N, C-alpha and C. Protein backbone atom coordinates (compact mmCIF):
# COMPACT_ATOMS: atom_id res chain seq x y z
N UNK A 1 0.82 -1.20 0.00
CA UNK A 1 0.00 0.00 0.00
C UNK A 1 0.86 1.26 0.00
N UNK A 2 2.03 1.21 0.67
CA UNK A 2 2.94 2.36 0.63
C UNK A 2 3.33 2.68 -0.81
N UNK A 3 3.68 1.67 -1.55
CA UNK A 3 4.15 1.89 -2.92
C UNK A 3 3.07 2.55 -3.76
N UNK A 4 1.85 2.03 -3.72
CA UNK A 4 0.77 2.59 -4.52
C UNK A 4 0.47 4.03 -4.12
N UNK A 5 0.47 4.31 -2.82
CA UNK A 5 0.21 5.67 -2.36
C UNK A 5 1.30 6.64 -2.81
N UNK A 6 2.56 6.22 -2.69
CA UNK A 6 3.67 7.09 -3.08
C UNK A 6 3.69 7.34 -4.59
N UNK A 7 3.30 6.34 -5.36
CA UNK A 7 3.27 6.52 -6.81
C UNK A 7 2.19 7.51 -7.24
N UNK A 8 1.18 7.71 -6.40
CA UNK A 8 0.12 8.67 -6.72
C UNK A 8 0.41 10.07 -6.19
N UNK A 9 1.45 10.21 -5.38
CA UNK A 9 1.72 11.49 -4.72
C UNK A 9 1.97 12.60 -5.75
N UNK A 10 1.30 13.72 -5.54
CA UNK A 10 1.45 14.88 -6.42
C UNK A 10 1.87 16.13 -5.67
N UNK A 11 1.50 16.23 -4.39
CA UNK A 11 1.71 17.48 -3.65
C UNK A 11 2.70 17.34 -2.49
N UNK A 12 2.56 16.27 -1.70
CA UNK A 12 3.40 16.18 -0.51
C UNK A 12 3.51 14.74 -0.02
N UNK A 13 4.65 14.47 0.63
CA UNK A 13 4.89 13.18 1.29
C UNK A 13 5.57 13.48 2.62
N UNK A 14 5.05 12.91 3.72
CA UNK A 14 5.65 13.05 5.04
C UNK A 14 5.83 11.65 5.62
N UNK A 15 7.05 11.31 6.01
CA UNK A 15 7.35 9.96 6.50
C UNK A 15 8.18 10.05 7.77
N UNK A 16 7.80 9.25 8.76
CA UNK A 16 8.63 9.14 9.96
C UNK A 16 8.55 7.72 10.48
N UNK A 17 9.66 7.24 11.05
CA UNK A 17 9.71 5.89 11.61
C UNK A 17 10.93 5.79 12.51
N UNK A 18 10.97 4.75 13.31
CA UNK A 18 12.15 4.53 14.15
C UNK A 18 13.32 4.07 13.30
N UNK A 19 13.06 3.20 12.34
CA UNK A 19 14.11 2.69 11.46
C UNK A 19 13.63 2.76 10.01
N UNK A 20 14.39 3.41 9.18
CA UNK A 20 14.06 3.56 7.76
C UNK A 20 15.25 3.11 6.94
N UNK A 21 15.02 2.23 5.99
CA UNK A 21 16.07 1.82 5.05
C UNK A 21 15.62 2.27 3.66
N UNK A 22 16.27 3.29 3.14
CA UNK A 22 15.84 3.87 1.87
C UNK A 22 16.02 2.91 0.71
N UNK A 23 16.90 1.93 0.87
CA UNK A 23 17.12 0.95 -0.18
C UNK A 23 16.13 -0.21 -0.12
N UNK A 24 15.21 -0.17 0.84
CA UNK A 24 14.25 -1.27 0.99
C UNK A 24 13.31 -1.35 -0.21
N UNK A 25 13.05 -2.57 -0.68
CA UNK A 25 12.18 -2.80 -1.83
C UNK A 25 10.72 -2.77 -1.37
N UNK A 26 9.94 -1.88 -1.94
CA UNK A 26 8.52 -1.79 -1.62
C UNK A 26 7.67 -2.65 -2.54
N UNK A 27 8.16 -2.86 -3.77
CA UNK A 27 7.32 -3.53 -4.77
C UNK A 27 8.23 -4.17 -5.83
N UNK A 28 7.78 -5.28 -6.37
CA UNK A 28 8.48 -5.93 -7.48
C UNK A 28 7.53 -6.08 -8.64
N UNK A 29 8.02 -5.77 -9.82
CA UNK A 29 7.21 -5.94 -11.03
C UNK A 29 8.08 -6.56 -12.11
N UNK A 30 7.46 -7.13 -13.13
CA UNK A 30 8.21 -7.71 -14.24
C UNK A 30 8.31 -6.69 -15.37
N UNK A 31 9.34 -6.82 -16.17
CA UNK A 31 9.57 -5.86 -17.24
C UNK A 31 10.10 -6.58 -18.48
N UNK A 32 9.64 -6.15 -19.64
CA UNK A 32 10.15 -6.70 -20.90
C UNK A 32 11.63 -6.38 -21.07
N UNK A 33 12.03 -5.19 -20.60
CA UNK A 33 13.42 -4.77 -20.76
C UNK A 33 14.38 -5.66 -19.97
N UNK A 34 13.87 -6.35 -18.96
CA UNK A 34 14.72 -7.24 -18.17
C UNK A 34 14.47 -8.70 -18.53
N UNK A 35 13.84 -8.92 -19.69
CA UNK A 35 13.57 -10.28 -20.12
C UNK A 35 12.54 -10.98 -19.27
N UNK A 36 11.61 -10.21 -18.74
CA UNK A 36 10.59 -10.79 -17.88
C UNK A 36 11.02 -10.94 -16.44
N UNK A 37 12.22 -10.45 -16.13
CA UNK A 37 12.70 -10.54 -14.75
C UNK A 37 12.09 -9.45 -13.87
N UNK A 38 12.40 -9.53 -12.60
CA UNK A 38 11.83 -8.58 -11.65
C UNK A 38 12.54 -7.23 -11.72
N UNK A 39 11.75 -6.16 -11.57
CA UNK A 39 12.27 -4.81 -11.35
C UNK A 39 11.95 -4.45 -9.91
N UNK A 40 12.96 -4.06 -9.14
CA UNK A 40 12.77 -3.73 -7.73
C UNK A 40 12.50 -2.24 -7.59
N UNK A 41 11.40 -1.90 -6.96
CA UNK A 41 11.04 -0.50 -6.72
C UNK A 41 11.31 -0.20 -5.24
N UNK A 42 12.32 0.62 -4.98
CA UNK A 42 12.74 0.89 -3.60
C UNK A 42 12.03 2.12 -3.03
N UNK A 43 12.13 2.26 -1.71
CA UNK A 43 11.61 3.46 -1.06
C UNK A 43 12.29 4.71 -1.61
N UNK A 44 13.60 4.63 -1.82
CA UNK A 44 14.34 5.77 -2.36
C UNK A 44 13.78 6.20 -3.71
N UNK A 45 13.52 5.26 -4.60
CA UNK A 45 12.99 5.58 -5.91
C UNK A 45 11.60 6.20 -5.81
N UNK A 46 10.78 5.70 -4.90
CA UNK A 46 9.43 6.23 -4.75
C UNK A 46 9.45 7.65 -4.21
N UNK A 47 10.32 7.93 -3.25
CA UNK A 47 10.43 9.28 -2.70
C UNK A 47 10.96 10.26 -3.75
N UNK A 48 12.01 9.85 -4.46
CA UNK A 48 12.58 10.71 -5.50
C UNK A 48 11.58 10.92 -6.62
N UNK A 49 10.82 9.88 -6.96
CA UNK A 49 9.82 10.00 -8.01
C UNK A 49 8.73 10.98 -7.64
N UNK A 50 8.30 10.96 -6.38
CA UNK A 50 7.28 11.91 -5.92
C UNK A 50 7.80 13.34 -6.02
N UNK A 51 9.05 13.55 -5.60
CA UNK A 51 9.63 14.89 -5.69
C UNK A 51 9.77 15.34 -7.14
N UNK A 52 10.12 14.40 -8.03
CA UNK A 52 10.26 14.73 -9.45
C UNK A 52 8.93 15.19 -10.05
N UNK A 53 7.83 14.72 -9.48
CA UNK A 53 6.50 15.16 -9.94
C UNK A 53 6.09 16.47 -9.30
N UNK A 54 6.97 17.04 -8.46
CA UNK A 54 6.68 18.33 -7.85
C UNK A 54 6.26 18.28 -6.41
N UNK A 55 6.24 17.10 -5.81
CA UNK A 55 5.80 16.98 -4.42
C UNK A 55 6.90 17.42 -3.45
N UNK A 56 6.48 17.96 -2.32
CA UNK A 56 7.39 18.24 -1.21
C UNK A 56 7.53 16.96 -0.38
N UNK A 57 8.76 16.46 -0.23
CA UNK A 57 9.00 15.19 0.48
C UNK A 57 9.80 15.48 1.74
N UNK A 58 9.23 15.14 2.89
CA UNK A 58 9.92 15.34 4.16
C UNK A 58 9.99 14.01 4.92
N UNK A 59 11.16 13.73 5.47
CA UNK A 59 11.38 12.48 6.20
C UNK A 59 12.00 12.80 7.56
N UNK A 60 11.39 12.29 8.63
CA UNK A 60 11.98 12.35 9.96
C UNK A 60 12.51 10.96 10.29
N UNK A 61 13.81 10.81 10.33
CA UNK A 61 14.43 9.50 10.55
C UNK A 61 15.16 9.49 11.89
N UNK A 62 14.88 8.47 12.71
CA UNK A 62 15.56 8.38 13.99
C UNK A 62 17.03 8.04 13.78
N UNK A 63 17.89 8.70 14.54
CA UNK A 63 19.33 8.45 14.41
C UNK A 63 19.98 8.48 15.79
N UNK A 64 20.69 7.43 16.11
CA UNK A 64 21.49 7.40 17.33
C UNK A 64 22.85 6.83 16.96
N UNK A 65 23.92 7.54 17.30
CA UNK A 65 25.26 7.17 16.84
C UNK A 65 25.68 5.78 17.29
N UNK A 66 25.40 5.41 18.54
CA UNK A 66 25.81 4.09 19.03
C UNK A 66 25.07 3.00 18.28
N UNK A 67 23.74 3.14 18.16
CA UNK A 67 22.96 2.15 17.44
C UNK A 67 23.38 2.09 15.98
N UNK A 68 23.70 3.24 15.41
CA UNK A 68 24.10 3.28 14.01
C UNK A 68 25.38 2.47 13.79
N UNK A 69 26.33 2.58 14.73
CA UNK A 69 27.57 1.82 14.60
C UNK A 69 27.33 0.33 14.76
N UNK A 70 26.24 -0.03 15.44
CA UNK A 70 25.89 -1.44 15.60
C UNK A 70 25.08 -1.96 14.42
N UNK A 71 24.84 -1.09 13.44
CA UNK A 71 24.09 -1.50 12.26
C UNK A 71 22.59 -1.38 12.41
N UNK A 72 22.12 -0.70 13.46
CA UNK A 72 20.69 -0.51 13.69
C UNK A 72 20.35 0.94 13.46
N UNK A 73 19.20 1.19 12.86
CA UNK A 73 18.76 2.56 12.63
C UNK A 73 18.61 2.85 11.15
N UNK A 74 18.33 4.10 10.84
CA UNK A 74 18.07 4.49 9.46
C UNK A 74 19.33 4.36 8.61
N UNK A 75 19.16 3.86 7.39
CA UNK A 75 20.31 3.62 6.52
C UNK A 75 19.86 3.70 5.07
N UNK A 76 20.80 3.43 4.17
CA UNK A 76 20.48 3.47 2.75
C UNK A 76 20.53 4.87 2.16
N UNK A 77 21.29 5.75 2.83
CA UNK A 77 21.39 7.13 2.34
C UNK A 77 21.94 7.21 0.93
N UNK A 78 22.87 6.32 0.61
CA UNK A 78 23.44 6.33 -0.75
C UNK A 78 22.37 6.03 -1.79
N UNK A 79 21.48 5.09 -1.47
CA UNK A 79 20.40 4.76 -2.41
C UNK A 79 19.52 5.97 -2.66
N UNK A 80 19.25 6.74 -1.60
CA UNK A 80 18.42 7.93 -1.77
C UNK A 80 19.16 9.00 -2.56
N UNK A 81 20.45 9.19 -2.26
CA UNK A 81 21.23 10.18 -3.01
C UNK A 81 21.29 9.82 -4.49
N UNK A 82 21.49 8.54 -4.79
CA UNK A 82 21.56 8.10 -6.18
C UNK A 82 20.22 8.28 -6.89
N UNK A 83 19.14 7.94 -6.20
CA UNK A 83 17.81 8.06 -6.81
C UNK A 83 17.49 9.53 -7.10
N UNK A 84 17.82 10.41 -6.17
CA UNK A 84 17.58 11.84 -6.39
C UNK A 84 18.46 12.38 -7.52
N UNK A 85 19.71 11.91 -7.57
CA UNK A 85 20.61 12.37 -8.63
C UNK A 85 20.11 11.95 -10.01
N UNK A 86 19.61 10.72 -10.12
CA UNK A 86 19.11 10.24 -11.42
C UNK A 86 17.93 11.08 -11.90
N UNK A 87 17.12 11.53 -10.98
CA UNK A 87 15.95 12.32 -11.34
C UNK A 87 16.19 13.82 -11.24
N UNK A 88 17.42 14.20 -10.88
CA UNK A 88 17.80 15.61 -10.74
C UNK A 88 16.90 16.31 -9.73
N UNK A 89 16.71 15.64 -8.62
CA UNK A 89 15.89 16.17 -7.53
C UNK A 89 16.81 16.65 -6.41
N UNK A 90 16.66 17.88 -5.92
CA UNK A 90 17.48 18.35 -4.80
C UNK A 90 17.23 17.52 -3.56
N UNK A 91 18.31 17.20 -2.84
CA UNK A 91 18.22 16.41 -1.62
C UNK A 91 18.96 17.16 -0.51
N UNK A 92 18.26 17.36 0.61
CA UNK A 92 18.86 18.00 1.77
C UNK A 92 18.75 17.05 2.95
N UNK A 93 19.89 16.70 3.55
CA UNK A 93 19.92 15.80 4.71
C UNK A 93 20.58 16.56 5.85
N UNK A 94 19.94 16.59 7.01
CA UNK A 94 20.45 17.36 8.13
C UNK A 94 20.07 16.67 9.43
N UNK A 95 20.49 17.27 10.57
CA UNK A 95 20.16 16.72 11.87
C UNK A 95 20.08 17.85 12.89
N UNK A 96 19.44 17.61 14.04
CA UNK A 96 19.21 18.68 15.01
C UNK A 96 20.47 19.29 15.60
N UNK A 97 21.62 18.59 15.54
CA UNK A 97 22.84 19.16 16.09
C UNK A 97 23.74 19.72 14.98
N UNK A 98 23.11 20.05 13.85
CA UNK A 98 23.80 20.62 12.70
C UNK A 98 23.26 22.03 12.48
N UNK A 99 24.13 22.99 12.22
CA UNK A 99 23.71 24.37 12.04
C UNK A 99 22.79 24.56 10.83
N UNK A 100 22.82 23.62 9.89
CA UNK A 100 21.99 23.77 8.69
C UNK A 100 20.53 23.39 8.93
N UNK A 101 20.22 22.87 10.13
CA UNK A 101 18.87 22.42 10.41
C UNK A 101 17.86 23.53 10.22
N UNK A 102 18.22 24.75 10.60
CA UNK A 102 17.29 25.86 10.51
C UNK A 102 16.84 26.12 9.07
N UNK A 103 17.60 25.61 8.10
CA UNK A 103 17.26 25.84 6.70
C UNK A 103 16.31 24.77 6.15
N UNK A 104 16.05 23.73 6.97
CA UNK A 104 15.23 22.63 6.49
C UNK A 104 13.76 23.01 6.54
N UNK A 105 13.07 22.87 5.44
CA UNK A 105 11.66 23.17 5.40
C UNK A 105 11.02 22.56 4.17
N UNK A 106 9.69 22.53 4.14
CA UNK A 106 9.01 21.96 2.97
C UNK A 106 9.26 22.79 1.73
N UNK A 107 9.62 22.14 0.66
CA UNK A 107 9.87 22.81 -0.61
C UNK A 107 9.43 21.89 -1.74
N UNK A 108 8.63 22.40 -2.64
CA UNK A 108 8.11 21.57 -3.73
C UNK A 108 9.26 21.04 -4.58
N UNK A 109 9.18 19.77 -4.95
CA UNK A 109 10.18 19.16 -5.80
C UNK A 109 11.49 18.87 -5.11
N UNK A 110 11.49 18.81 -3.77
CA UNK A 110 12.71 18.59 -3.00
C UNK A 110 12.49 17.49 -1.98
N UNK A 111 13.53 16.70 -1.72
CA UNK A 111 13.51 15.70 -0.65
C UNK A 111 14.31 16.23 0.53
N UNK A 112 13.68 16.36 1.69
CA UNK A 112 14.35 16.82 2.91
C UNK A 112 14.33 15.68 3.92
N UNK A 113 15.49 15.27 4.39
CA UNK A 113 15.60 14.22 5.40
C UNK A 113 16.21 14.83 6.65
N UNK A 114 15.49 14.75 7.76
CA UNK A 114 15.97 15.30 9.02
C UNK A 114 16.16 14.15 10.00
N UNK A 115 17.41 13.93 10.42
CA UNK A 115 17.70 12.90 11.41
C UNK A 115 17.44 13.47 12.80
N UNK A 116 16.57 12.82 13.55
CA UNK A 116 16.19 13.32 14.87
C UNK A 116 16.65 12.35 15.93
N UNK A 117 16.82 12.87 17.15
CA UNK A 117 17.23 12.02 18.26
C UNK A 117 18.49 12.54 18.91
N UNK A 118 18.68 12.18 20.15
CA UNK A 118 19.87 12.54 20.90
C UNK A 118 21.04 11.69 20.42
N UNK A 119 22.12 12.29 19.93
CA UNK A 119 23.24 11.49 19.42
C UNK A 119 23.96 10.68 20.49
N UNK A 120 23.69 10.98 21.77
CA UNK A 120 24.37 10.27 22.85
C UNK A 120 23.41 9.44 23.71
N UNK A 121 22.18 9.91 23.90
CA UNK A 121 21.25 9.19 24.75
C UNK A 121 20.70 7.95 24.06
N UNK A 122 20.45 6.89 24.81
CA UNK A 122 19.96 5.64 24.21
C UNK A 122 18.69 5.14 24.89
N UNK A 123 18.12 5.94 25.79
CA UNK A 123 17.01 5.44 26.59
C UNK A 123 15.65 5.97 26.13
N UNK A 124 15.59 6.67 25.04
CA UNK A 124 14.31 7.15 24.55
C UNK A 124 14.39 7.36 23.05
N UNK A 125 13.24 7.23 22.40
CA UNK A 125 13.18 7.48 20.96
C UNK A 125 11.72 7.62 20.55
N UNK A 126 11.49 8.20 19.38
CA UNK A 126 10.16 8.22 18.79
C UNK A 126 9.99 6.91 18.04
N UNK A 127 9.06 6.09 18.49
CA UNK A 127 8.91 4.76 17.93
C UNK A 127 7.72 4.65 17.01
N UNK A 128 7.15 5.79 16.62
CA UNK A 128 5.97 5.77 15.76
C UNK A 128 6.35 5.60 14.29
N UNK A 129 5.40 5.08 13.52
CA UNK A 129 5.60 4.89 12.08
C UNK A 129 4.42 5.54 11.36
N UNK A 130 4.69 6.61 10.62
CA UNK A 130 3.63 7.39 9.99
C UNK A 130 4.03 7.73 8.56
N UNK A 131 3.08 7.59 7.64
CA UNK A 131 3.25 8.07 6.27
C UNK A 131 2.02 8.88 5.90
N UNK A 132 2.25 10.08 5.40
CA UNK A 132 1.19 10.95 4.89
C UNK A 132 1.46 11.22 3.42
N UNK A 133 0.44 11.11 2.58
CA UNK A 133 0.58 11.38 1.15
C UNK A 133 -0.53 12.34 0.73
N UNK A 134 -0.14 13.48 0.18
CA UNK A 134 -1.10 14.51 -0.27
C UNK A 134 -2.11 14.81 0.83
N UNK A 135 -1.60 14.95 2.07
CA UNK A 135 -2.47 15.05 3.23
C UNK A 135 -3.32 16.32 3.26
N UNK A 136 -2.88 17.38 2.59
CA UNK A 136 -3.64 18.62 2.60
C UNK A 136 -4.52 18.77 1.37
N UNK A 137 -4.58 17.74 0.52
CA UNK A 137 -5.37 17.77 -0.70
C UNK A 137 -6.53 16.78 -0.60
N UNK A 138 -7.59 16.97 -1.38
CA UNK A 138 -8.68 15.98 -1.39
C UNK A 138 -8.14 14.59 -1.78
N UNK A 139 -8.59 13.56 -1.08
CA UNK A 139 -8.12 12.22 -1.35
C UNK A 139 -6.83 11.87 -0.67
N UNK A 140 -6.35 12.74 0.23
CA UNK A 140 -5.12 12.44 0.96
C UNK A 140 -5.26 11.21 1.83
N UNK A 141 -4.14 10.58 2.13
CA UNK A 141 -4.16 9.33 2.88
C UNK A 141 -3.07 9.34 3.93
N UNK A 142 -3.32 8.66 5.04
CA UNK A 142 -2.32 8.51 6.11
C UNK A 142 -2.22 7.05 6.50
N UNK A 143 -1.02 6.63 6.89
CA UNK A 143 -0.79 5.29 7.42
C UNK A 143 -0.16 5.44 8.80
N UNK A 144 -0.69 4.75 9.78
CA UNK A 144 -0.11 4.75 11.12
C UNK A 144 -0.10 3.32 11.65
N UNK A 145 0.87 3.00 12.47
CA UNK A 145 0.92 1.66 13.02
C UNK A 145 2.32 1.30 13.49
N UNK A 146 2.68 0.02 13.32
CA UNK A 146 3.92 -0.47 13.88
C UNK A 146 4.95 -0.95 12.88
N UNK A 147 4.76 -0.66 11.58
CA UNK A 147 5.65 -1.23 10.56
C UNK A 147 6.71 -0.23 10.13
N UNK A 148 7.96 -0.54 10.42
CA UNK A 148 9.08 0.24 9.90
C UNK A 148 9.36 -0.18 8.46
N UNK A 149 9.80 0.76 7.64
CA UNK A 149 10.18 0.44 6.26
C UNK A 149 11.66 0.06 6.28
N UNK A 150 11.94 -1.20 6.56
CA UNK A 150 13.32 -1.64 6.70
C UNK A 150 13.39 -3.15 6.49
N UNK A 151 14.58 -3.69 6.57
CA UNK A 151 14.76 -5.12 6.34
C UNK A 151 14.15 -5.94 7.47
N UNK A 152 13.72 -7.15 7.12
CA UNK A 152 13.22 -8.07 8.12
C UNK A 152 11.79 -7.88 8.52
N UNK A 153 11.08 -6.95 7.86
CA UNK A 153 9.69 -6.71 8.22
C UNK A 153 8.71 -7.35 7.24
N UNK A 154 9.19 -7.86 6.13
CA UNK A 154 8.31 -8.44 5.12
C UNK A 154 7.85 -9.83 5.52
N UNK A 155 6.55 -10.04 5.54
CA UNK A 155 6.00 -11.35 5.89
C UNK A 155 4.58 -11.41 5.35
N UNK A 156 3.96 -12.57 5.44
CA UNK A 156 2.58 -12.75 5.03
C UNK A 156 1.77 -13.22 6.24
N UNK A 157 0.44 -13.25 6.13
CA UNK A 157 -0.36 -13.74 7.27
C UNK A 157 -0.01 -15.17 7.68
N UNK A 158 0.58 -15.96 6.78
CA UNK A 158 0.97 -17.33 7.12
C UNK A 158 2.34 -17.40 7.80
N UNK A 159 3.04 -16.28 7.85
CA UNK A 159 4.34 -16.19 8.53
C UNK A 159 5.33 -17.22 7.99
N UNK A 160 5.57 -17.15 6.69
CA UNK A 160 6.50 -18.08 6.05
C UNK A 160 7.87 -17.46 5.81
N UNK A 161 8.06 -16.22 6.20
CA UNK A 161 9.33 -15.55 5.97
C UNK A 161 10.42 -16.12 6.88
N UNK A 162 11.71 -16.00 6.48
CA UNK A 162 12.80 -16.49 7.33
C UNK A 162 12.77 -15.87 8.73
N UNK A 163 12.33 -14.60 8.81
CA UNK A 163 12.20 -13.93 10.09
C UNK A 163 10.73 -13.55 10.28
N UNK A 164 9.91 -14.46 10.83
CA UNK A 164 8.47 -14.18 10.97
C UNK A 164 8.23 -12.89 11.76
N UNK A 165 7.25 -12.14 11.29
CA UNK A 165 6.96 -10.85 11.92
C UNK A 165 5.47 -10.59 11.82
N UNK A 166 4.89 -10.16 12.93
CA UNK A 166 3.46 -9.85 12.93
C UNK A 166 3.26 -8.43 13.44
N UNK A 167 2.55 -7.63 12.66
CA UNK A 167 2.29 -6.25 13.06
C UNK A 167 1.09 -5.73 12.29
N UNK A 168 0.65 -4.54 12.62
CA UNK A 168 -0.54 -3.96 12.01
C UNK A 168 -0.27 -2.52 11.60
N UNK A 169 -0.79 -2.15 10.44
CA UNK A 169 -0.72 -0.77 9.97
C UNK A 169 -2.13 -0.35 9.55
N UNK A 170 -2.53 0.86 9.90
CA UNK A 170 -3.84 1.37 9.52
C UNK A 170 -3.72 2.35 8.36
N UNK A 171 -4.57 2.21 7.38
CA UNK A 171 -4.69 3.19 6.30
C UNK A 171 -5.89 4.07 6.61
N UNK A 172 -5.67 5.37 6.69
CA UNK A 172 -6.70 6.33 7.09
C UNK A 172 -7.00 7.28 5.94
N UNK A 173 -8.28 7.54 5.73
CA UNK A 173 -8.72 8.51 4.73
C UNK A 173 -9.80 9.38 5.32
N UNK A 174 -9.96 10.56 4.76
CA UNK A 174 -11.00 11.46 5.24
C UNK A 174 -10.49 12.45 6.26
N UNK A 175 -11.40 12.90 7.13
CA UNK A 175 -11.08 13.98 8.06
C UNK A 175 -9.95 13.65 9.02
N UNK A 176 -9.84 12.39 9.42
CA UNK A 176 -8.82 12.00 10.40
C UNK A 176 -7.40 12.26 9.90
N UNK A 177 -7.21 12.30 8.59
CA UNK A 177 -5.88 12.55 8.03
C UNK A 177 -5.33 13.89 8.51
N UNK A 178 -6.21 14.88 8.69
CA UNK A 178 -5.76 16.20 9.13
C UNK A 178 -5.21 16.17 10.55
N UNK A 179 -5.73 15.28 11.39
CA UNK A 179 -5.20 15.14 12.74
C UNK A 179 -3.79 14.55 12.71
N UNK A 180 -3.57 13.58 11.83
CA UNK A 180 -2.23 13.01 11.68
C UNK A 180 -1.29 14.05 11.08
N UNK A 181 -1.81 14.84 10.17
CA UNK A 181 -1.01 15.91 9.57
C UNK A 181 -0.54 16.91 10.64
N UNK A 182 -1.45 17.30 11.54
CA UNK A 182 -1.08 18.22 12.62
C UNK A 182 0.02 17.62 13.48
N UNK A 183 -0.11 16.35 13.80
CA UNK A 183 0.91 15.67 14.62
C UNK A 183 2.27 15.72 13.94
N UNK A 184 2.32 15.41 12.64
CA UNK A 184 3.61 15.43 11.94
C UNK A 184 4.17 16.84 11.91
N UNK A 185 3.33 17.84 11.63
CA UNK A 185 3.82 19.22 11.55
C UNK A 185 4.38 19.67 12.89
N UNK A 186 3.76 19.26 13.99
CA UNK A 186 4.28 19.62 15.30
C UNK A 186 5.62 18.93 15.57
N UNK A 187 5.75 17.68 15.16
CA UNK A 187 7.03 16.98 15.33
C UNK A 187 8.11 17.61 14.47
N UNK A 188 7.76 18.00 13.25
CA UNK A 188 8.74 18.63 12.37
C UNK A 188 9.20 19.97 12.95
N UNK A 189 8.24 20.74 13.44
CA UNK A 189 8.56 22.04 14.06
C UNK A 189 9.46 21.84 15.26
N UNK A 190 9.17 20.85 16.09
CA UNK A 190 10.00 20.58 17.27
C UNK A 190 11.41 20.19 16.86
N UNK A 191 11.53 19.36 15.82
CA UNK A 191 12.85 18.91 15.38
C UNK A 191 13.68 20.06 14.83
N UNK A 192 13.03 20.96 14.10
CA UNK A 192 13.76 22.06 13.46
C UNK A 192 14.05 23.19 14.45
N UNK A 193 13.04 23.56 15.23
CA UNK A 193 13.19 24.71 16.13
C UNK A 193 13.76 24.33 17.49
N UNK A 194 13.57 23.06 17.90
CA UNK A 194 14.06 22.63 19.20
C UNK A 194 13.27 23.19 20.37
N UNK A 195 12.08 23.69 20.11
CA UNK A 195 11.26 24.30 21.15
C UNK A 195 9.93 23.56 21.25
N UNK A 196 9.74 22.73 22.29
CA UNK A 196 8.49 21.97 22.40
C UNK A 196 7.26 22.84 22.56
N UNK A 197 7.40 24.00 23.20
CA UNK A 197 6.25 24.88 23.40
C UNK A 197 5.79 25.49 22.07
N UNK A 198 6.75 25.86 21.23
CA UNK A 198 6.41 26.37 19.92
C UNK A 198 5.75 25.29 19.07
N UNK A 199 6.23 24.05 19.20
CA UNK A 199 5.66 22.95 18.44
C UNK A 199 4.23 22.68 18.87
N UNK A 200 3.98 22.69 20.20
CA UNK A 200 2.62 22.42 20.68
C UNK A 200 1.64 23.51 20.29
N UNK A 201 2.14 24.73 20.15
CA UNK A 201 1.24 25.84 19.80
C UNK A 201 0.90 25.88 18.32
N UNK A 202 1.63 25.10 17.51
CA UNK A 202 1.35 25.05 16.07
C UNK A 202 -0.02 24.43 15.84
N UNK A 203 -0.85 25.08 15.05
CA UNK A 203 -2.20 24.61 14.80
C UNK A 203 -2.54 24.66 13.31
N UNK A 204 -3.35 23.73 12.88
CA UNK A 204 -3.96 23.78 11.56
C UNK A 204 -5.43 23.44 11.76
N UNK A 205 -6.24 23.74 10.78
CA UNK A 205 -7.66 23.45 10.88
C UNK A 205 -7.89 21.95 10.76
N UNK A 206 -8.47 21.35 11.81
CA UNK A 206 -8.76 19.92 11.78
C UNK A 206 -10.25 19.70 12.01
N UNK A 207 -10.91 18.92 11.16
CA UNK A 207 -12.34 18.67 11.32
C UNK A 207 -12.61 17.70 12.46
N UNK A 208 -13.86 17.67 12.91
CA UNK A 208 -14.22 16.81 14.03
C UNK A 208 -14.59 15.40 13.60
N UNK A 209 -15.16 15.28 12.42
CA UNK A 209 -15.61 13.96 12.01
C UNK A 209 -14.43 13.09 11.58
N UNK A 210 -14.57 11.80 11.72
CA UNK A 210 -13.54 10.84 11.35
C UNK A 210 -14.14 9.82 10.40
N UNK A 211 -13.44 9.55 9.29
CA UNK A 211 -14.00 8.67 8.28
C UNK A 211 -12.99 7.66 7.79
N UNK A 212 -13.43 6.51 7.48
CA UNK A 212 -12.75 5.42 6.79
C UNK A 212 -11.38 5.03 7.35
N UNK A 213 -11.39 3.90 8.00
CA UNK A 213 -10.17 3.31 8.53
C UNK A 213 -10.07 1.89 7.99
N UNK A 214 -8.90 1.51 7.49
CA UNK A 214 -8.70 0.16 6.96
C UNK A 214 -7.41 -0.41 7.53
N UNK A 215 -7.48 -1.63 8.03
CA UNK A 215 -6.30 -2.26 8.65
C UNK A 215 -5.54 -3.10 7.64
N UNK A 216 -4.23 -3.11 7.76
CA UNK A 216 -3.36 -3.95 6.93
C UNK A 216 -2.54 -4.83 7.86
N UNK A 217 -2.48 -6.13 7.57
CA UNK A 217 -1.56 -6.98 8.32
C UNK A 217 -0.25 -7.04 7.55
N UNK A 218 0.58 -8.01 7.86
CA UNK A 218 1.91 -8.03 7.24
C UNK A 218 1.86 -8.24 5.73
N UNK A 219 0.76 -8.73 5.19
CA UNK A 219 0.69 -8.88 3.74
C UNK A 219 0.78 -7.52 3.03
N UNK A 220 0.51 -6.44 3.82
CA UNK A 220 0.65 -5.07 3.29
C UNK A 220 2.06 -4.83 2.77
N UNK A 221 3.04 -5.52 3.37
CA UNK A 221 4.42 -5.26 3.02
C UNK A 221 5.03 -6.41 2.21
N UNK A 222 4.19 -7.32 1.70
CA UNK A 222 4.70 -8.42 0.91
C UNK A 222 5.30 -7.90 -0.40
N UNK A 223 6.48 -8.39 -0.75
CA UNK A 223 7.18 -7.86 -1.92
C UNK A 223 6.76 -8.65 -3.17
N UNK A 224 5.59 -8.36 -3.69
CA UNK A 224 5.15 -9.03 -4.89
C UNK A 224 4.17 -8.12 -5.64
């Protein structure tokens, strides 16, 4: 479902998770050019493709230096850089302890990746997984739940994968998407400005009614 939503993105993409692997394959398709073999569609390609269509792409990726050295945490930056370069899409990657963070903001046709988290502390993190696509436009969609876009999460309801994994992701449409949008905007503001009070005071118009919720099990992330 992530792949289909990202391929439809025209205006904006907002993604956050505890662990993100930009080189992770979201979808496989066959192609005549490969002799009927599989073409792997990665998260990096989907994000760069959305930006190439003019969408503003923002990613909040958790980063901790100790975990990163142990091979845990967000990775695949080279895949994202290569995908953006192929499509001639500007890419900005920054972090809260970098002076360039203040320059990070939504920009049409650009991919912005902000690494968040204490580079030294290991006892807390944002463990949420959220994807918003065209959230401020009619037909916008949000995904919330427990699925990181990374290795080892692909499985089916029968749990036949080498590393069985069971989790749930919700696909949300309608008025509720604006509530998820507000949450992401407040997190982005907090990450960039470093001021929790300013982040909490950030407001957008959110409707009261809530419509259409659909659950996805692990088959949502099956690579086929």
